[in-house]
Amino acid sequence: MSVTENNVSEALREGAVIPAASRAERFTSYDVEAFEVPGGREENWRFTPMKRLRGLHDGSAVATGSAKVDFATSEEVKVESVERGDARLGVAGVPSDRIAAQAYSSFERATLVTVPKETKPALPVQLNVSGPGAGQVAYGHLQVRLEQFADATVVISHAGSGTYADNVEFVVGDGAKLTVVSIQDWADDAVHVSEQHLKLGRDATLKHIVITLGGDLVRVSPTATFADRGGDVEMLGVYFADAGQHQEHRLFVDHAVPNCKSRVMYKGALQGEDAHTVWIGDVLIRAAAEATDTYELNRNLVLTPGARADSVPNLEIETGEIEGAGHASATGRFDDEQLFYLQSRGIAEEAARRLVVRGFFHEILVKIDVPEVRERLEAAIEAELEAVGA
């Protein structure tokens, strides 16, 4: 695959410039009516097929059902179902668009997961979210909270049918360490719009992994913020889109305090007519964020004609006193030289193509240190390749 550094989407090359202020001064509110109904021309909606949102964006999607949350965890982890007025909710971030605000004002009860101070559960926390069902609409709220010096792994799996919008909070206390895996493996008819808020305390570490495989339309928007010095966030993503699927990942890393580090790496493959993936990576280094170290990367592999990948990295720097900052983005097809090399050594074309795709994802797969999740993802990629006959 041919790659180029700092490669932006076709839309940006044609002049659709994003004003710096639109990233540095992100509008946030809990009030739904504070946000205008998006029409699809706004910067944060211009890639999204609005008609396929089923009314989530304009208020016509009234809750008619509820999502079910099942869990399995160690005894030391506390899982609660809490009311909207619980003072612990909403501390990681404020909704940044109308759908997120609608979800925040519409959920009935929230699931709150707390890992106590200096606790390291022996097993990952497993959370299974089931959609409301075909033709139904639901809103939800989930918070994962690690107290000081806690260390935990949380796996959130989404499955089923319906239309679902939610806010997810990850609150990582001082010196705590969290690995979270969010899996979107919805049925073919599902629509899921999720805003995820990541807040790191002093010297906190967070590995945030997003895996998107199923659904008709899936849009995940993680935002990482640092409450104090020494925070370290790694944001990884794997996605595989089939014919007709729309998968959109919009990331924002807000460096507002000194001596913090962020790494972003998302890789996606797509195949089939009208398969569409969108990756937006915004990193802001504010004037006070001296000694920041950040880098973001996105790679897309187009397997068949008729598929489209948009990739837009944005980096805004307000201070020169940083450790490092950069980004890279590329979209391409199979590398003919790689295929020729493998075939010249007696490997059949079909097997060679599989090896290229596996190699493409390997860099992220080795970073997923939850064996059952890694094996599940490898099996899903293999199933996708069999479907296209690669």
Protein backbone atom coordinates (compact mmCIF):
# COMPACT_ATOMS: atom_id res chain seq x y z
CA MET A 1 0.00 0.00 0.00
CA SER A 2 1.33 3.39 -0.90
CA VAL A 3 1.26 5.87 2.01
CA THR A 4 2.03 9.54 2.39
CA GLU A 5 2.55 11.51 5.60
CA ASN A 6 0.18 14.33 6.58
CA ASN A 7 -2.27 13.33 3.86
CA VAL A 8 -5.69 14.95 4.39
CA SER A 9 -9.04 14.10 2.82
CA GLU A 10 -10.10 15.09 -0.66
CA ALA A 11 -12.61 17.50 0.84
CA LEU A 12 -9.88 19.49 2.57
CA ARG A 13 -7.74 19.55 -0.54
CA GLU A 14 -10.69 21.09 -2.34
CA GLY A 15 -10.74 23.97 0.13
CA ALA A 16 -13.00 22.95 3.01
CA VAL A 17 -10.69 24.48 5.62
CA ILE A 18 -11.47 23.96 9.30
CA PRO A 19 -11.07 27.23 11.23
CA ALA A 20 -8.78 26.87 14.22
CA ALA A 21 -11.38 28.45 16.51
CA SER A 22 -13.85 25.67 15.73
CA ARG A 23 -11.49 23.23 17.41
CA ALA A 24 -10.07 25.39 20.19
CA GLU A 25 -13.47 26.74 21.24
CA ARG A 26 -15.63 23.62 21.08
CA PHE A 27 -19.17 24.48 22.13
CA THR A 28 -20.45 22.28 24.95
CA SER A 29 -23.70 22.22 26.90
CA TYR A 30 -26.13 19.91 28.66
CA ASP A 31 -29.05 21.76 27.08
CA VAL A 32 -30.41 20.15 23.89
CA GLU A 33 -31.86 23.43 22.65
CA ALA A 34 -28.46 25.13 22.96
CA PHE A 35 -27.50 23.24 19.80
CA GLU A 36 -29.08 23.99 16.43
CA VAL A 37 -30.53 21.08 14.51
CA PRO A 38 -27.68 20.02 12.19
CA GLY A 39 -28.37 19.99 8.49
CA GLY A 40 -25.29 18.07 7.38
CA ARG A 41 -23.19 20.99 6.13
CA GLU A 42 -21.63 21.72 9.52
CA GLU A 43 -18.00 20.66 9.94
CA ASN A 44 -18.76 17.98 12.53
CA TRP A 45 -21.63 16.54 10.47
CA ARG A 46 -20.50 16.94 6.86
CA PHE A 47 -19.51 13.28 6.45
CA THR A 48 -22.53 11.81 8.27
CA PRO A 49 -25.58 10.62 6.26
CA MET A 50 -28.18 12.54 8.27
CA LYS A 51 -31.21 10.65 6.99
CA ARG A 52 -29.79 7.43 8.39
CA LEU A 53 -29.67 8.85 11.93
CA ARG A 54 -33.40 8.04 12.32
CA GLY A 55 -34.21 11.37 13.97
CA LEU A 56 -31.50 11.28 16.65
CA HIS A 57 -30.23 14.66 15.48
CA ASP A 58 -33.51 16.61 15.35
CA GLY A 59 -35.36 15.36 18.42
CA SER A 60 -37.90 13.23 16.58
CA ALA A 61 -36.34 10.00 17.89
CA VAL A 62 -38.31 9.58 21.10
CA ALA A 63 -37.27 6.76 23.41
CA THR A 64 -39.56 3.76 22.94
CA GLY A 65 -37.40 1.13 24.62
CA SER A 66 -34.27 0.67 26.68
CA ALA A 67 -30.88 -0.94 26.30
CA LYS A 68 -30.03 -3.80 28.64
CA VAL A 69 -26.70 -3.81 30.46
CA ASP A 70 -25.40 -7.11 31.84
CA PHE A 71 -22.11 -7.37 33.69
CA ALA A 72 -19.62 -9.82 35.12
CA THR A 73 -16.80 -8.74 37.39
CA SER A 74 -14.82 -9.42 40.55
CA GLU A 75 -16.34 -8.85 43.99
CA GLU A 76 -14.20 -5.80 44.71
CA VAL A 77 -15.68 -3.86 41.78
CA LYS A 78 -18.91 -2.00 42.53
CA VAL A 79 -21.58 -1.78 39.81
CA GLU A 80 -24.60 0.46 40.46
CA SER A 81 -27.73 1.60 38.64
CA VAL A 82 -28.12 5.27 39.58
CA GLU A 83 -30.58 8.07 38.88
CA ARG A 84 -29.88 11.09 36.72
CA GLY A 85 -29.32 13.35 39.72
CA ASP A 86 -26.33 11.38 41.02
CA ALA A 87 -23.58 13.94 41.65
CA ARG A 88 -20.90 11.63 40.25
CA LEU A 89 -22.32 11.75 36.71
CA GLY A 90 -21.15 14.27 34.14
CA VAL A 91 -17.73 14.97 35.66
CA ALA A 92 -15.69 13.67 32.71
CA GLY A 93 -17.10 15.97 30.06
CA VAL A 94 -20.04 17.91 28.68
CA PRO A 95 -21.90 16.88 25.48
CA SER A 96 -20.44 18.59 22.42
CA ASP A 97 -23.28 18.04 19.95
CA ARG A 98 -27.06 17.82 19.87
CA ILE A 99 -27.29 14.03 19.88
CA ALA A 100 -25.04 13.73 22.93
CA ALA A 101 -27.08 16.39 24.72
CA GLN A 102 -30.29 14.59 23.78
CA ALA A 103 -28.88 11.33 25.14
CA TYR A 104 -27.84 13.02 28.38
CA SER A 105 -31.30 14.49 28.93
CA SER A 106 -33.16 11.30 27.94
CA PHE A 107 -31.60 8.38 29.81
CA GLU A 108 -33.64 6.97 32.70
CA ARG A 109 -30.91 5.34 34.78
CA ALA A 110 -27.14 5.20 34.39
CA THR A 111 -24.74 2.32 35.01
CA LEU A 112 -21.87 3.34 37.30
CA VAL A 113 -18.80 1.09 37.66
CA THR A 114 -16.35 1.94 40.45
CA VAL A 115 -12.96 0.33 41.07
CA PRO A 116 -11.91 1.27 44.64
CA LYS A 117 -8.64 2.89 45.62
CA GLU A 118 -5.50 0.75 45.16
CA THR A 119 -7.56 -2.17 43.83
CA LYS A 120 -6.53 -4.40 40.93
CA PRO A 121 -9.34 -6.83 39.97
CA ALA A 122 -8.14 -10.28 38.97
CA LEU A 123 -10.48 -10.41 35.97
CA PRO A 124 -11.58 -7.82 33.39
CA VAL A 125 -14.90 -6.09 34.02
CA GLN A 126 -17.29 -7.35 31.32
CA LEU A 127 -20.20 -5.09 30.32
CA ASN A 128 -22.63 -6.30 27.65
CA VAL A 129 -24.96 -3.69 26.18
CA SER A 130 -27.91 -5.02 24.16
CA GLY A 131 -29.85 -2.74 21.81
CA PRO A 132 -33.54 -1.95 22.40
CA GLY A 133 -34.66 -4.10 19.48
CA ALA A 134 -35.61 -3.57 15.84
CA GLY A 135 -37.61 -0.38 15.33
CA GLN A 136 -36.99 0.80 18.91
CA VAL A 137 -35.07 3.84 20.19
CA ALA A 138 -33.11 4.05 23.45
CA TYR A 139 -30.73 6.41 25.25
CA GLY A 140 -28.11 5.42 27.79
CA HIS A 141 -25.35 6.59 30.10
CA LEU A 142 -22.35 4.67 31.47
CA GLN A 143 -19.54 5.76 33.73
CA VAL A 144 -16.39 3.81 34.61
CA ARG A 145 -14.57 5.32 37.58
CA LEU A 146 -11.13 4.30 38.88
CA GLU A 147 -10.15 5.72 42.22
CA GLN A 148 -6.56 6.64 43.14
CA PHE A 149 -3.95 4.01 42.16
CA ALA A 150 -6.52 1.47 40.97
CA ASP A 151 -5.67 -0.76 38.00
CA ALA A 152 -8.37 -2.41 35.86
CA THR A 153 -9.42 -3.64 32.44
CA VAL A 154 -12.97 -3.02 31.20
CA VAL A 155 -14.52 -4.60 28.10
CA ILE A 156 -17.78 -3.09 26.79
CA SER A 157 -19.53 -5.12 24.08
CA HIS A 158 -22.45 -3.72 22.07
CA ALA A 159 -24.78 -6.05 20.16
CA GLY A 160 -28.36 -6.37 18.99
CA SER A 161 -30.73 -4.19 16.95
CA GLY A 162 -32.34 -0.78 17.23
CA THR A 163 -31.34 2.87 17.48
CA TYR A 164 -29.15 3.81 20.43
CA ALA A 165 -27.38 6.99 21.54
CA ASP A 166 -25.32 7.30 24.70
CA ASN A 167 -22.64 9.11 26.66
CA VAL A 168 -19.82 7.09 28.21
CA GLU A 169 -17.48 8.49 30.87
CA PHE A 170 -14.08 7.18 31.90
CA VAL A 171 -12.79 8.89 35.05
CA VAL A 172 -9.23 7.80 35.86
CA GLY A 173 -8.00 8.95 39.26
CA ASP A 174 -4.49 10.05 40.21
CA GLY A 175 -1.94 7.32 39.54
CA ALA A 176 -4.64 4.91 38.29
CA LYS A 177 -4.32 2.72 35.21
CA LEU A 178 -7.25 1.74 32.99
CA THR A 179 -7.47 -0.34 29.83
CA VAL A 180 -10.89 -0.13 28.17
CA VAL A 181 -12.12 -1.90 25.05
CA SER A 182 -15.33 -0.68 23.39
CA ILE A 183 -16.65 -3.19 20.83
CA GLN A 184 -19.38 -2.23 18.34
CA ASP A 185 -20.60 -5.54 16.93
CA TRP A 186 -24.19 -4.56 16.20
CA ALA A 187 -26.71 -6.27 13.94
CA ASP A 188 -26.91 -5.00 10.38
CA ASP A 189 -29.93 -2.75 11.10
CA ALA A 190 -28.52 -0.96 14.17
CA VAL A 191 -27.66 2.73 14.51
CA HIS A 192 -25.33 3.73 17.35
CA VAL A 193 -24.08 7.25 18.13
CA SER A 194 -21.77 7.44 21.14
CA GLU A 195 -19.86 10.30 22.71
CA GLN A 196 -17.11 9.06 25.03
CA HIS A 197 -15.45 11.31 27.61
CA LEU A 198 -11.97 10.41 28.91
CA LYS A 199 -10.64 12.33 31.93
CA LEU A 200 -7.21 11.56 33.38
CA GLY A 201 -5.91 12.62 36.78
CA ARG A 202 -2.30 13.28 37.77
CA ASP A 203 0.05 10.56 36.45
CA ALA A 204 -2.95 8.50 35.28
CA THR A 205 -2.68 6.06 32.36
CA LEU A 206 -5.50 5.15 29.98
CA LYS A 207 -5.45 2.79 27.01
CA HIS A 208 -8.69 3.32 25.08
CA ILE A 209 -9.45 0.79 22.32
CA VAL A 210 -12.38 1.07 19.90
CA ILE A 211 -13.35 -1.89 17.69
CA THR A 212 -16.13 -1.30 15.15
CA LEU A 213 -17.43 -4.16 13.04
CA GLY A 214 -21.23 -4.19 12.76
CA GLY A 215 -24.19 -1.85 12.43
CA ASP A 216 -25.78 0.15 9.66
CA LEU A 217 -24.39 3.45 10.99
CA VAL A 218 -21.94 3.73 13.88
CA ARG A 219 -20.45 7.04 15.01
CA VAL A 220 -18.08 7.05 18.01
CA SER A 221 -16.59 10.32 19.29
CA PRO A 222 -13.98 10.00 22.07
CA THR A 223 -12.64 13.15 23.76
CA ALA A 224 -9.61 12.97 26.06
CA THR A 225 -8.82 15.66 28.65
CA PHE A 226 -6.17 15.93 31.34
CA ALA A 227 -6.99 17.17 34.83
CA ASP A 228 -3.36 17.38 35.96
CA ARG A 229 0.25 16.74 34.96
CA GLY A 230 1.70 13.40 33.93
CA GLY A 231 -1.35 11.96 32.17
CA ASP A 232 -0.71 9.37 29.44
CA VAL A 233 -3.46 8.33 27.01
CA GLU A 234 -3.18 5.83 24.17
CA MET A 235 -6.17 5.71 21.80
CA LEU A 236 -6.30 2.72 19.46
CA GLY A 237 -8.94 1.77 16.91
CA VAL A 238 -9.72 -1.05 14.48
CA TYR A 239 -12.67 -0.93 12.07
CA PHE A 240 -13.87 -3.05 9.15
CA ALA A 241 -16.75 -1.78 6.99
CA ASP A 242 -18.83 -3.83 4.57
CA ALA A 243 -21.12 -2.80 1.71
CA GLY A 244 -23.49 -0.01 2.74
CA GLN A 245 -22.03 0.43 6.22
CA HIS A 246 -21.10 3.87 7.55
CA GLN A 247 -18.50 3.90 10.32
CA GLU A 248 -17.31 7.22 11.72
CA HIS A 249 -14.73 7.87 14.43
CA ARG A 250 -14.14 11.44 15.63
CA LEU A 251 -11.38 11.96 18.19
CA PHE A 252 -10.38 15.03 20.12
CA VAL A 253 -7.37 15.20 22.45
CA ASP A 254 -7.27 18.40 24.51
CA HIS A 255 -3.85 19.11 26.00
CA ALA A 256 -4.54 21.90 28.48
CA VAL A 257 -1.97 21.10 31.20
CA PRO A 258 1.81 20.53 31.02
CA ASN A 259 3.78 17.27 30.81
CA CYS A 260 1.14 14.99 29.31
CA LYS A 261 1.41 12.44 26.52
CA SER A 262 -1.02 11.15 23.90
CA ARG A 263 -0.73 8.56 21.14
CA VAL A 264 -3.48 7.85 18.61
CA MET A 265 -3.45 4.96 16.13
CA TYR A 266 -6.52 3.89 14.14
CA LYS A 267 -6.54 1.42 11.25
CA GLY A 268 -9.47 0.42 9.09
CA ALA A 269 -10.32 -1.77 6.12
CA LEU A 270 -13.38 -1.51 3.93
CA GLN A 271 -14.97 -3.51 1.14
CA GLY A 272 -18.14 -3.54 -0.90
CA GLU A 273 -20.28 -0.97 -2.69
CA ASP A 274 -20.90 2.21 -0.67
CA ALA A 275 -18.88 1.09 2.32
CA HIS A 276 -17.81 4.36 3.96
CA THR A 277 -15.44 5.05 6.83
CA VAL A 278 -14.60 8.42 8.35
CA TRP A 279 -11.77 9.20 10.74
CA ILE A 280 -11.29 12.69 12.19
CA GLY A 281 -8.39 13.25 14.58
CA ASP A 282 -8.19 16.63 16.33
CA VAL A 283 -5.34 17.38 18.74
CA LEU A 284 -5.14 20.74 20.50
CA ILE A 285 -2.08 21.82 22.48
CA ARG A 286 -3.04 24.88 24.48
CA ALA A 287 -0.64 27.63 25.54
CA ALA A 288 -0.32 26.27 29.08
CA ALA A 289 0.45 22.71 27.93
CA GLU A 290 4.23 22.87 27.87
CA ALA A 291 6.26 19.66 27.43
CA THR A 292 3.39 17.96 25.61
CA ASP A 293 4.25 14.85 23.59
CA THR A 294 1.64 13.80 21.02
CA TYR A 295 1.29 11.88 17.77
CA GLU A 296 -1.72 10.60 15.79
CA LEU A 297 -1.87 8.15 12.90
CA ASN A 298 -4.63 6.78 10.68
CA ARG A 299 -4.33 4.16 7.93
CA ASN A 300 -7.07 2.84 5.65
CA LEU A 301 -6.98 -0.16 3.33
CA VAL A 302 -9.57 -0.23 0.52
CA LEU A 303 -10.15 -3.83 -0.54
CA THR A 304 -12.71 -3.44 -3.35
CA PRO A 305 -13.96 -0.78 -5.76
CA GLY A 306 -16.95 1.30 -4.64
CA ALA A 307 -15.71 1.85 -1.07
CA ARG A 308 -14.63 5.24 0.30
CA ALA A 309 -12.47 6.28 3.24
CA ASP A 310 -12.16 9.87 4.51
CA SER A 311 -9.29 10.71 6.86
CA VAL A 312 -8.68 14.16 8.34
CA PRO A 313 -5.92 14.74 10.92
CA ASN A 314 -5.81 18.17 12.57
CA LEU A 315 -3.09 19.48 14.87
CA GLU A 316 -3.29 22.90 16.54
CA ILE A 317 -0.38 24.14 18.63
CA GLU A 318 -0.49 27.27 20.78
CA THR A 319 2.95 26.96 22.40
CA GLY A 320 6.43 26.21 21.10
CA GLU A 321 7.56 24.60 24.36
CA ILE A 322 6.63 20.99 23.53
CA GLU A 323 8.42 17.65 23.46
CA GLY A 324 6.96 16.64 20.12
CA ALA A 325 3.85 16.69 17.92
CA GLY A 326 2.93 15.15 14.60
CA HIS A 327 0.38 13.27 12.57
CA ALA A 328 0.11 10.96 9.59
CA SER A 329 -2.77 9.73 7.45
CA ALA A 330 -3.04 7.56 4.37
CA THR A 331 -5.59 5.62 2.33
CA GLY A 332 -4.68 3.09 -0.34
CA ARG A 333 -5.28 -0.28 -1.93
CA PHE A 334 -3.20 -3.46 -1.84
CA ASP A 335 0.48 -2.90 -2.41
CA ASP A 336 1.21 -4.69 -5.70
CA GLU A 337 4.86 -5.09 -4.76
CA GLN A 338 3.94 -6.93 -1.56
CA LEU A 339 1.58 -9.23 -3.46
CA PHE A 340 4.19 -9.88 -6.15
CA TYR A 341 6.83 -10.66 -3.52
CA LEU A 342 4.59 -13.22 -1.79
CA GLN A 343 3.38 -14.79 -5.03
CA SER A 344 6.94 -15.07 -6.34
CA ARG A 345 7.63 -17.33 -3.37
CA GLY A 346 4.86 -19.72 -4.25
CA ILE A 347 2.03 -18.23 -2.18
CA ALA A 348 -1.32 -18.19 -3.99
CA GLU A 349 -2.87 -14.77 -4.64
CA GLU A 350 -5.82 -15.35 -2.27
CA ALA A 351 -3.53 -16.39 0.57
CA ALA A 352 -1.17 -13.50 -0.20
CA ARG A 353 -3.99 -10.98 0.08
CA ARG A 354 -4.99 -12.41 3.45
CA LEU A 355 -1.42 -12.11 4.68
CA VAL A 356 -1.24 -8.46 3.60
CA VAL A 357 -4.45 -7.60 5.48
CA ARG A 358 -3.34 -9.44 8.60
CA GLY A 359 -0.02 -7.63 8.47
CA PHE A 360 -1.84 -4.31 8.05
CA PHE A 361 -3.70 -4.80 11.36
CA HIS A 362 -0.86 -6.53 13.23
CA GLU A 363 0.61 -3.32 14.65
CA ILE A 364 -2.58 -2.66 16.60
CA LEU A 365 -3.49 -6.27 17.38
CA VAL A 366 -0.28 -6.76 19.35
CA LYS A 367 -1.20 -3.75 21.51
CA ILE A 368 -4.50 -5.34 22.62
CA ASP A 369 -3.40 -7.13 25.77
CA VAL A 370 -6.76 -8.80 26.46
CA PRO A 371 -6.33 -12.26 24.84
CA GLU A 372 -10.02 -13.04 24.38
CA VAL A 373 -10.63 -9.67 22.69
CA ARG A 374 -7.62 -10.09 20.41
CA GLU A 375 -8.74 -13.58 19.39
CA ARG A 376 -12.28 -12.36 18.78
CA LEU A 377 -11.02 -9.56 16.56
CA GLU A 378 -8.72 -11.86 14.61
CA ALA A 379 -11.64 -14.22 13.97
CA ALA A 380 -13.84 -11.31 12.84
CA ILE A 381 -11.19 -10.08 10.38
CA GLU A 382 -10.84 -13.59 9.00
CA ALA A 383 -14.62 -13.83 8.53
CA GLU A 384 -14.65 -10.51 6.68
CA LEU A 385 -11.91 -11.68 4.34
CA GLU A 386 -13.77 -14.90 3.60
CA ALA A 387 -16.89 -12.89 2.77
CA VAL A 388 -15.06 -10.89 0.11
CA GLY A 389 -13.07 -13.86 -1.12
CA ALA A 390 -9.75 -12.23 -0.38
